[in-house]
Every structure is written in structure tokens, then in C-alpha cells.
Amino acid sequence: MSSDPRLALESLTSALAEHLNAVAARRSDDDPRVDEAYDRIAEAFGNYEDALWDAYQESTPLDLFDEDPDAEDDDDDESGEDTQAP
């Protein structure tokens, strides 16, 4: 991890470009290169956030998703009624 926010930002933009290339060259729905590039984005973003905070006590307005994009933590069903037990 770089403590220089500019270097961390360069790593993040590089990881984003690698992800785009992996997605564009995807050979199947479960191409491991896409998953690896996804993980590199998450790591580079975390490093950037840390470096930004360390240098300027500032953060971005972005949040990382949980690893399982299908997992929902929504308490409401489609009808708008609360589906969790009290």
C-alpha cells in the first residue's frame, strides 16, 4: 500500500483499466480473470481511501459492495411491508 494518495490513485485507475480489459475479453460468465480484476479494484480502492485519509483526513463518497452481490439486507419486501420478525 502506498501512503501517497496520488500513487494510490494511479493504482486504482490502473486496476479499473485492467478490469475493463478483463471484462471486454471475458470468455465465460465465470471467467476468473474478471473476478481477479474485481478484487484488485477493491484492494486498490481501499488503499486509496486509507492514503487519502492518512494524508488529508478525507474520504470518498463511495462504498464497496459485499462480496455477494445477490445478498440483500433489505428489510422490506416489494409490498413495502417489513418482513423481519420483531
PDB file of N, CA and C in Angstrom:
ATOM      1  N   MET A   1       0.832  -1.168   0.000  1.00  0.00           N
ATOM      2  CA  MET A   1       0.000   0.000   0.000  1.00  0.00           C
ATOM      3  C   MET A   1       0.882   1.239   0.000  1.00  0.00           C
ATOM      4  N   SER A   2       0.478   2.212  -0.787  1.00  0.00           N
ATOM      5  CA  SER A   2       1.203   3.470  -0.842  1.00  0.00           C
ATOM      6  C   SER A   2       0.566   4.464   0.110  1.00  0.00           C
ATOM      7  N   SER A   3       1.387   5.227   0.827  1.00  0.00           N
ATOM      8  CA  SER A   3       0.842   6.247   1.703  1.00  0.00           C
ATOM      9  C   SER A   3       0.663   7.555   0.943  1.00  0.00           C
ATOM     10  N   ASP A   4       1.121   7.614  -0.310  1.00  0.00           N
ATOM     11  CA  ASP A   4       0.940   8.773  -1.160  1.00  0.00           C
ATOM     12  C   ASP A   4      -0.388   8.627  -1.907  1.00  0.00           C
ATOM     13  N   PRO A   5      -1.351   9.519  -1.651  1.00  0.00           N
ATOM     14  CA  PRO A   5      -2.656   9.385  -2.303  1.00  0.00           C
ATOM     15  C   PRO A   5      -2.578   9.409  -3.831  1.00  0.00           C
ATOM     16  N   ARG A   6      -1.636  10.154  -4.378  1.00  0.00           N
ATOM     17  CA  ARG A   6      -1.535  10.207  -5.848  1.00  0.00           C
ATOM     18  C   ARG A   6      -1.083   8.860  -6.422  1.00  0.00           C
ATOM     19  N   LEU A   7      -0.143   8.213  -5.754  1.00  0.00           N
ATOM     20  CA  LEU A   7       0.282   6.890  -6.210  1.00  0.00           C
ATOM     21  C   LEU A   7      -0.836   5.869  -6.023  1.00  0.00           C
ATOM     22  N   ALA A   8      -1.550   5.967  -4.921  1.00  0.00           N
ATOM     23  CA  ALA A   8      -2.669   5.061  -4.674  1.00  0.00           C
ATOM     24  C   ALA A   8      -3.773   5.275  -5.709  1.00  0.00           C
ATOM     25  N   LEU A   9      -4.005   6.511  -6.095  1.00  0.00           N
ATOM     26  CA  LEU A   9      -4.998   6.812  -7.126  1.00  0.00           C
ATOM     27  C   LEU A   9      -4.567   6.229  -8.467  1.00  0.00           C
ATOM     28  N   GLU A  10      -3.296   6.326  -8.785  1.00  0.00           N
ATOM     29  CA  GLU A  10      -2.789   5.723 -10.026  1.00  0.00           C
ATOM     30  C   GLU A  10      -3.004   4.212 -10.025  1.00  0.00           C
ATOM     31  N   SER A  11      -2.784   3.589  -8.883  1.00  0.00           N
ATOM     32  CA  SER A  11      -3.021   2.137  -8.775  1.00  0.00           C
ATOM     33  C   SER A  11      -4.494   1.813  -8.959  1.00  0.00           C
ATOM     34  N   LEU A  12      -5.353   2.657  -8.412  1.00  0.00           N
ATOM     35  CA  LEU A  12      -6.796   2.444  -8.555  1.00  0.00           C
ATOM     36  C   LEU A  12      -7.220   2.590 -10.014  1.00  0.00           C
ATOM     37  N   THR A  13      -6.778   3.626 -10.684  1.00  0.00           N
ATOM     38  CA  THR A  13      -7.169   3.806 -12.088  1.00  0.00           C
ATOM     39  C   THR A  13      -6.605   2.687 -12.950  1.00  0.00           C
ATOM     40  N   SER A  14      -5.423   2.206 -12.616  1.00  0.00           N
ATOM     41  CA  SER A  14      -4.851   1.078 -13.338  1.00  0.00           C
ATOM     42  C   SER A  14      -5.692  -0.183 -13.123  1.00  0.00           C
ATOM     43  N   ALA A  15      -6.126  -0.404 -11.899  1.00  0.00           N
ATOM     44  CA  ALA A  15      -6.969  -1.567 -11.603  1.00  0.00           C
ATOM     45  C   ALA A  15      -8.298  -1.477 -12.337  1.00  0.00           C
ATOM     46  N   LEU A  16      -8.847  -0.287 -12.446  1.00  0.00           N
ATOM     47  CA  LEU A  16     -10.096  -0.107 -13.197  1.00  0.00           C
ATOM     48  C   LEU A  16      -9.895  -0.424 -14.676  1.00  0.00           C
ATOM     49  N   ALA A  17      -8.786   0.030 -15.241  1.00  0.00           N
ATOM     50  CA  ALA A  17      -8.482  -0.262 -16.641  1.00  0.00           C
ATOM     51  C   ALA A  17      -8.280  -1.765 -16.859  1.00  0.00           C
ATOM     52  N   GLU A  18      -7.593  -2.425 -15.927  1.00  0.00           N
ATOM     53  CA  GLU A  18      -7.396  -3.874 -16.025  1.00  0.00           C
ATOM     54  C   GLU A  18      -8.739  -4.598 -15.977  1.00  0.00           C
ATOM     55  N   HIS A  19      -9.645  -4.122 -15.139  1.00  0.00           N
ATOM     56  CA  HIS A  19     -10.970  -4.733 -15.038  1.00  0.00           C
ATOM     57  C   HIS A  19     -11.717  -4.584 -16.361  1.00  0.00           C
ATOM     58  N   LEU A  20     -11.686  -3.399 -16.940  1.00  0.00           N
ATOM     59  CA  LEU A  20     -12.350  -3.183 -18.228  1.00  0.00           C
ATOM     60  C   LEU A  20     -11.789  -4.127 -19.282  1.00  0.00           C
ATOM     61  N   ASN A  21     -10.481  -4.258 -19.334  1.00  0.00           N
ATOM     62  CA  ASN A  21      -9.865  -5.168 -20.303  1.00  0.00           C
ATOM     63  C   ASN A  21     -10.284  -6.612 -20.062  1.00  0.00           C
ATOM     64  N   ALA A  22     -10.349  -7.016 -18.810  1.00  0.00           N
ATOM     65  CA  ALA A  22     -10.763  -8.385 -18.484  1.00  0.00           C
ATOM     66  C   ALA A  22     -12.216  -8.629 -18.869  1.00  0.00           C
ATOM     67  N   VAL A  23     -13.068  -7.654 -18.609  1.00  0.00           N
ATOM     68  CA  VAL A  23     -14.485  -7.795 -18.962  1.00  0.00           C
ATOM     69  C   VAL A  23     -14.651  -7.854 -20.482  1.00  0.00           C
ATOM     70  N   ALA A  24     -13.933  -6.993 -21.196  1.00  0.00           N
ATOM     71  CA  ALA A  24     -14.030  -6.959 -22.649  1.00  0.00           C
ATOM     72  C   ALA A  24     -13.527  -8.259 -23.286  1.00  0.00           C
ATOM     73  N   ALA A  25     -12.590  -8.928 -22.638  1.00  0.00           N
ATOM     74  CA  ALA A  25     -12.025 -10.173 -23.169  1.00  0.00           C
ATOM     75  C   ALA A  25     -12.621 -11.415 -22.503  1.00  0.00           C
ATOM     76  N   ARG A  26     -13.675 -11.239 -21.722  1.00  0.00           N
ATOM     77  CA  ARG A  26     -14.285 -12.359 -20.987  1.00  0.00           C
ATOM     78  C   ARG A  26     -14.627 -13.504 -21.930  1.00  0.00           C
ATOM     79  N   ARG A  27     -14.327 -14.715 -21.491  1.00  0.00           N
ATOM     80  CA  ARG A  27     -14.612 -15.907 -22.301  1.00  0.00           C
ATOM     81  C   ARG A  27     -15.792 -16.711 -21.782  1.00  0.00           C
ATOM     82  N   SER A  28     -16.207 -16.434 -20.550  1.00  0.00           N
ATOM     83  CA  SER A  28     -17.365 -17.123 -19.974  1.00  0.00           C
ATOM     84  C   SER A  28     -17.905 -16.276 -18.829  1.00  0.00           C
ATOM     85  N   ASP A  29     -19.085 -16.645 -18.349  1.00  0.00           N
ATOM     86  CA  ASP A  29     -19.695 -15.900 -17.245  1.00  0.00           C
ATOM     87  C   ASP A  29     -18.885 -15.982 -15.968  1.00  0.00           C
ATOM     88  N   ASP A  30     -18.081 -17.025 -15.822  1.00  0.00           N
ATOM     89  CA  ASP A  30     -17.294 -17.183 -14.599  1.00  0.00           C
ATOM     90  C   ASP A  30     -15.790 -17.114 -14.885  1.00  0.00           C
ATOM     91  N   ASP A  31     -15.407 -16.196 -15.754  1.00  0.00           N
ATOM     92  CA  ASP A  31     -14.001 -16.015 -16.110  1.00  0.00           C
ATOM     93  C   ASP A  31     -13.223 -15.556 -14.876  1.00  0.00           C
ATOM     94  N   PRO A  32     -12.240 -16.321 -14.436  1.00  0.00           N
ATOM     95  CA  PRO A  32     -11.505 -15.961 -13.218  1.00  0.00           C
ATOM     96  C   PRO A  32     -10.711 -14.658 -13.357  1.00  0.00           C
ATOM     97  N   ARG A  33     -10.358 -14.277 -14.574  1.00  0.00           N
ATOM     98  CA  ARG A  33      -9.634 -13.013 -14.756  1.00  0.00           C
ATOM     99  C   ARG A  33     -10.496 -11.814 -14.369  1.00  0.00           C
ATOM    100  N   VAL A  34     -11.787 -11.908 -14.636  1.00  0.00           N
ATOM    101  CA  VAL A  34     -12.691 -10.821 -14.258  1.00  0.00           C
ATOM    102  C   VAL A  34     -12.807 -10.755 -12.738  1.00  0.00           C
ATOM    103  N   ASP A  35     -12.937 -11.903 -12.105  1.00  0.00           N
ATOM    104  CA  ASP A  35     -13.018 -11.937 -10.643  1.00  0.00           C
ATOM    105  C   ASP A  35     -11.746 -11.388 -10.001  1.00  0.00           C
ATOM    106  N   GLU A  36     -10.601 -11.755 -10.544  1.00  0.00           N
ATOM    107  CA  GLU A  36      -9.326 -11.271 -10.008  1.00  0.00           C
ATOM    108  C   GLU A  36      -9.209  -9.751 -10.186  1.00  0.00           C
ATOM    109  N   ALA A  37      -9.633  -9.256 -11.338  1.00  0.00           N
ATOM    110  CA  ALA A  37      -9.581  -7.811 -11.582  1.00  0.00           C
ATOM    111  C   ALA A  37     -10.535  -7.073 -10.657  1.00  0.00           C
ATOM    112  N   TYR A  38     -11.688  -7.667 -10.386  1.00  0.00           N
ATOM    113  CA  TYR A  38     -12.658  -7.102  -9.449  1.00  0.00           C
ATOM    114  C   TYR A  38     -12.028  -6.964  -8.064  1.00  0.00           C
ATOM    115  N   ASP A  39     -11.356  -8.019  -7.643  1.00  0.00           N
ATOM    116  CA  ASP A  39     -10.696  -7.996  -6.331  1.00  0.00           C
ATOM    117  C   ASP A  39      -9.585  -6.949  -6.270  1.00  0.00           C
ATOM    118  N   ARG A  40      -8.860  -6.782  -7.383  1.00  0.00           N
ATOM    119  CA  ARG A  40      -7.797  -5.767  -7.412  1.00  0.00           C
ATOM    120  C   ARG A  40      -8.378  -4.357  -7.290  1.00  0.00           C
ATOM    121  N   ILE A  41      -9.544  -4.124  -7.886  1.00  0.00           N
ATOM    122  CA  ILE A  41     -10.198  -2.817  -7.729  1.00  0.00           C
ATOM    123  C   ILE A  41     -10.516  -2.584  -6.258  1.00  0.00           C
ATOM    124  N   ALA A  42     -11.108  -3.570  -5.620  1.00  0.00           N
ATOM    125  CA  ALA A  42     -11.490  -3.417  -4.210  1.00  0.00           C
ATOM    126  C   ALA A  42     -10.266  -3.133  -3.344  1.00  0.00           C
ATOM    127  N   GLU A  43      -9.185  -3.854  -3.589  1.00  0.00           N
ATOM    128  CA  GLU A  43      -7.971  -3.644  -2.804  1.00  0.00           C
ATOM    129  C   GLU A  43      -7.377  -2.254  -3.072  1.00  0.00           C
ATOM    130  N   ALA A  44      -7.299  -1.878  -4.350  1.00  0.00           N
ATOM    131  CA  ALA A  44      -6.729  -0.574  -4.711  1.00  0.00           C
ATOM    132  C   ALA A  44      -7.589   0.564  -4.173  1.00  0.00           C
ATOM    133  N   PHE A  45      -8.904   0.381  -4.180  1.00  0.00           N
ATOM    134  CA  PHE A  45      -9.788   1.406  -3.635  1.00  0.00           C
ATOM    135  C   PHE A  45      -9.565   1.559  -2.132  1.00  0.00           C
ATOM    136  N   GLY A  46      -9.461   0.446  -1.438  1.00  0.00           N
ATOM    137  CA  GLY A  46      -9.201   0.501  -0.003  1.00  0.00           C
ATOM    138  C   GLY A  46      -7.883   1.194   0.306  1.00  0.00           C
ATOM    139  N   ASN A  47      -6.867   0.901  -0.495  1.00  0.00           N
ATOM    140  CA  ASN A  47      -5.571   1.552  -0.311  1.00  0.00           C
ATOM    141  C   ASN A  47      -5.662   3.051  -0.571  1.00  0.00           C
ATOM    142  N   TYR A  48      -6.417   3.433  -1.583  1.00  0.00           N
ATOM    143  CA  TYR A  48      -6.590   4.854  -1.890  1.00  0.00           C
ATOM    144  C   TYR A  48      -7.315   5.570  -0.748  1.00  0.00           C
ATOM    145  N   GLU A  49      -8.385   4.949  -0.268  1.00  0.00           N
ATOM    146  CA  GLU A  49      -9.138   5.547   0.854  1.00  0.00           C
ATOM    147  C   GLU A  49      -8.233   5.733   2.067  1.00  0.00           C
ATOM    148  N   ASP A  50      -7.425   4.720   2.366  1.00  0.00           N
ATOM    149  CA  ASP A  50      -6.515   4.806   3.510  1.00  0.00           C
ATOM    150  C   ASP A  50      -5.491   5.920   3.320  1.00  0.00           C
ATOM    151  N   ALA A  51      -4.900   5.986   2.127  1.00  0.00           N
ATOM    152  CA  ALA A  51      -3.894   7.007   1.854  1.00  0.00           C
ATOM    153  C   ALA A  51      -4.502   8.403   1.880  1.00  0.00           C
ATOM    154  N   LEU A  52      -5.702   8.533   1.349  1.00  0.00           N
ATOM    155  CA  LEU A  52      -6.393   9.821   1.350  1.00  0.00           C
ATOM    156  C   LEU A  52      -6.686  10.263   2.783  1.00  0.00           C
ATOM    157  N   TRP A  53      -7.113   9.321   3.604  1.00  0.00           N
ATOM    158  CA  TRP A  53      -7.408   9.643   4.998  1.00  0.00           C
ATOM    159  C   TRP A  53      -6.130  10.013   5.760  1.00  0.00           C
ATOM    160  N   ASP A  54      -5.095   9.207   5.561  1.00  0.00           N
ATOM    161  CA  ASP A  54      -3.834   9.466   6.258  1.00  0.00           C
ATOM    162  C   ASP A  54      -3.260  10.834   5.903  1.00  0.00           C
ATOM    163  N   ALA A  55      -3.379  11.227   4.651  1.00  0.00           N
ATOM    164  CA  ALA A  55      -2.785  12.491   4.205  1.00  0.00           C
ATOM    165  C   ALA A  55      -3.665  13.704   4.490  1.00  0.00           C
ATOM    166  N   TYR A  56      -4.993  13.535   4.349  1.00  0.00           N
ATOM    167  CA  TYR A  56      -5.877  14.705   4.392  1.00  0.00           C
ATOM    168  C   TYR A  56      -7.090  14.564   5.309  1.00  0.00           C
ATOM    169  N   GLN A  57      -7.218  13.435   5.991  1.00  0.00           N
ATOM    170  CA  GLN A  57      -8.389  13.163   6.817  1.00  0.00           C
ATOM    171  C   GLN A  57      -9.675  13.369   6.004  1.00  0.00           C
ATOM    172  N   GLU A  58      -9.658  12.811   4.811  1.00  0.00           N
ATOM    173  CA  GLU A  58     -10.780  12.915   3.883  1.00  0.00           C
ATOM    174  C   GLU A  58     -11.078  11.544   3.317  1.00  0.00           C
ATOM    175  N   SER A  59     -12.337  11.328   2.920  1.00  0.00           N
ATOM    176  CA  SER A  59     -12.725  10.064   2.303  1.00  0.00           C
ATOM    177  C   SER A  59     -13.536  10.355   1.048  1.00  0.00           C
ATOM    178  N   THR A  60     -13.813   9.315   0.295  1.00  0.00           N
ATOM    179  CA  THR A  60     -14.639   9.460  -0.906  1.00  0.00           C
ATOM    180  C   THR A  60     -16.092   9.175  -0.539  1.00  0.00           C
ATOM    181  N   PRO A  61     -17.014   9.530  -1.415  1.00  0.00           N
ATOM    182  CA  PRO A  61     -18.426   9.229  -1.150  1.00  0.00           C
ATOM    183  C   PRO A  61     -18.816   7.827  -1.620  1.00  0.00           C
ATOM    184  N   LEU A  62     -17.830   6.978  -1.869  1.00  0.00           N
ATOM    185  CA  LEU A  62     -18.084   5.648  -2.424  1.00  0.00           C
ATOM    186  C   LEU A  62     -18.005   4.577  -1.351  1.00  0.00           C
ATOM    187  N   ASP A  63     -18.798   3.524  -1.534  1.00  0.00           N
ATOM    188  CA  ASP A  63     -18.780   2.363  -0.654  1.00  0.00           C
ATOM    189  C   ASP A  63     -18.548   1.120  -1.489  1.00  0.00           C
ATOM    190  N   LEU A  64     -17.862   0.141  -0.917  1.00  0.00           N
ATOM    191  CA  LEU A  64     -17.691  -1.144  -1.582  1.00  0.00           C
ATOM    192  C   LEU A  64     -18.886  -2.033  -1.266  1.00  0.00           C
ATOM    193  N   PHE A  65     -19.303  -2.816  -2.246  1.00  0.00           N
ATOM    194  CA  PHE A  65     -20.373  -3.781  -2.037  1.00  0.00           C
ATOM    195  C   PHE A  65     -19.829  -4.991  -1.303  1.00  0.00           C
ATOM    196  N   ASP A  66     -20.736  -5.748  -0.661  1.00  0.00           N
ATOM    197  CA  ASP A  66     -20.342  -7.030  -0.098  1.00  0.00           C
ATOM    198  C   ASP A  66     -19.904  -7.929  -1.240  1.00  0.00           C
ATOM    199  N   GLU A  67     -19.163  -8.979  -0.909  1.00  0.00           N
ATOM    200  CA  GLU A  67     -18.678  -9.880  -1.948  1.00  0.00           C
ATOM    201  C   GLU A  67     -19.803 -10.584  -2.688  1.00  0.00           C
ATOM    202  N   ASP A  68     -20.935 -10.815  -2.046  1.00  0.00           N
ATOM    203  CA  ASP A  68     -22.053 -11.499  -2.686  1.00  0.00           C
ATOM    204  C   ASP A  68     -23.058 -10.455  -3.154  1.00  0.00           C
ATOM    205  N   PRO A  69     -23.035 -10.089  -4.453  1.00  0.00           N
ATOM    206  CA  PRO A  69     -23.938  -9.052  -4.929  1.00  0.00           C
ATOM    207  C   PRO A  69     -25.405  -9.463  -4.884  1.00  0.00           C
ATOM    208  N   ASP A  70     -25.699 -10.770  -4.746  1.00  0.00           N
ATOM    209  CA  ASP A  70     -27.076 -11.231  -4.675  1.00  0.00           C
ATOM    210  C   ASP A  70     -27.641 -11.181  -3.262  1.00  0.00           C
ATOM    211  N   ALA A  71     -26.779 -11.013  -2.270  1.00  0.00           N
ATOM    212  CA  ALA A  71     -27.235 -10.957  -0.886  1.00  0.00           C
ATOM    213  C   ALA A  71     -27.926  -9.628  -0.644  1.00  0.00           C
ATOM    214  N   GLU A  72     -29.141  -9.711  -0.125  1.00  0.00           N
ATOM    215  CA  GLU A  72     -29.887  -8.490   0.147  1.00  0.00           C
ATOM    216  C   GLU A  72     -30.046  -8.325   1.639  1.00  0.00           C
ATOM    217  N   ASP A  73     -29.839  -7.117   2.111  1.00  0.00           N
ATOM    218  CA  ASP A  73     -30.066  -6.844   3.520  1.00  0.00           C
ATOM    219  C   ASP A  73     -31.236  -5.882   3.676  1.00  0.00           C
ATOM    220  N   ASP A  74     -32.108  -5.868   2.676  1.00  0.00           N
ATOM    221  CA  ASP A  74     -33.288  -5.003   2.696  1.00  0.00           C
ATOM    222  C   ASP A  74     -34.329  -5.624   3.614  1.00  0.00           C
ATOM    223  N   ASP A  75     -34.844  -4.825   4.533  1.00  0.00           N
ATOM    224  CA  ASP A  75     -35.836  -5.317   5.479  1.00  0.00           C
ATOM    225  C   ASP A  75     -37.244  -5.354   4.895  1.00  0.00           C
ATOM    226  N   ASP A  76     -37.444  -4.731   3.771  1.00  0.00           N
ATOM    227  CA  ASP A  76     -38.781  -4.644   3.187  1.00  0.00           C
ATOM    228  C   ASP A  76     -38.879  -5.533   1.961  1.00  0.00           C
ATOM    229  N   ASP A  77     -40.074  -6.159   1.794  1.00  0.00           N
ATOM    230  CA  ASP A  77     -40.295  -6.890   0.563  1.00  0.00           C
ATOM    231  C   ASP A  77     -40.871  -5.914  -0.464  1.00  0.00           C
ATOM    232  N   GLU A  78     -41.269  -6.390  -1.641  1.00  0.00           N
ATOM    233  CA  GLU A  78     -41.736  -5.499  -2.690  1.00  0.00           C
ATOM    234  C   GLU A  78     -43.002  -4.763  -2.309  1.00  0.00           C
ATOM    235  N   SER A  79     -43.803  -5.286  -1.391  1.00  0.00           N
ATOM    236  CA  SER A  79     -45.031  -4.613  -0.987  1.00  0.00           C
ATOM    237  C   SER A  79     -44.767  -3.460  -0.032  1.00  0.00           C
ATOM    238  N   GLY A  80     -43.499  -3.360   0.434  1.00  0.00           N
ATOM    239  CA  GLY A  80     -43.157  -2.298   1.354  1.00  0.00           C
ATOM    240  C   GLY A  80     -43.390  -2.661   2.805  1.00  0.00           C
ATOM    241  N   GLU A  81     -43.852  -3.892   3.057  1.00  0.00           N
ATOM    242  CA  GLU A  81     -44.098  -4.321   4.420  1.00  0.00           C
ATOM    243  C   GLU A  81     -42.839  -4.924   5.024  1.00  0.00           C
ATOM    244  N   ASP A  82     -42.643  -4.714   6.290  1.00  0.00           N
ATOM    245  CA  ASP A  82     -41.497  -5.272   6.978  1.00  0.00           C
ATOM    246  C   ASP A  82     -41.645  -6.781   7.068  1.00  0.00           C
ATOM    247  N   THR A  83     -40.614  -7.530   6.605  1.00  0.00           N
ATOM    248  CA  THR A  83     -40.705  -8.994   6.570  1.00  0.00           C
ATOM    249  C   THR A  83     -39.908  -9.644   7.676  1.00  0.00           C
ATOM    250  N   GLN A  84     -39.200  -8.848   8.486  1.00  0.00           N
ATOM    251  CA  GLN A  84     -38.419  -9.444   9.573  1.00  0.00           C
ATOM    252  C   GLN A  84     -39.252  -9.525  10.835  1.00  0.00           C
ATOM    253  N   ALA A  85     -38.982 -10.549  11.607  1.00  0.00           N
ATOM    254  CA  ALA A  85     -39.683 -10.713  12.882  1.00  0.00           C
ATOM    255  C   ALA A  85     -39.209  -9.646  13.863  1.00  0.00           C
ATOM    256  N   PRO A  86     -40.065  -9.218  14.761  1.00  0.00           N
ATOM    257  CA  PRO A  86     -39.672  -8.181  15.725  1.00  0.00           C
ATOM    258  C   PRO A  86     -38.603  -8.643  16.681  1.00  0.00           C
TER     259      PRO A  86
END
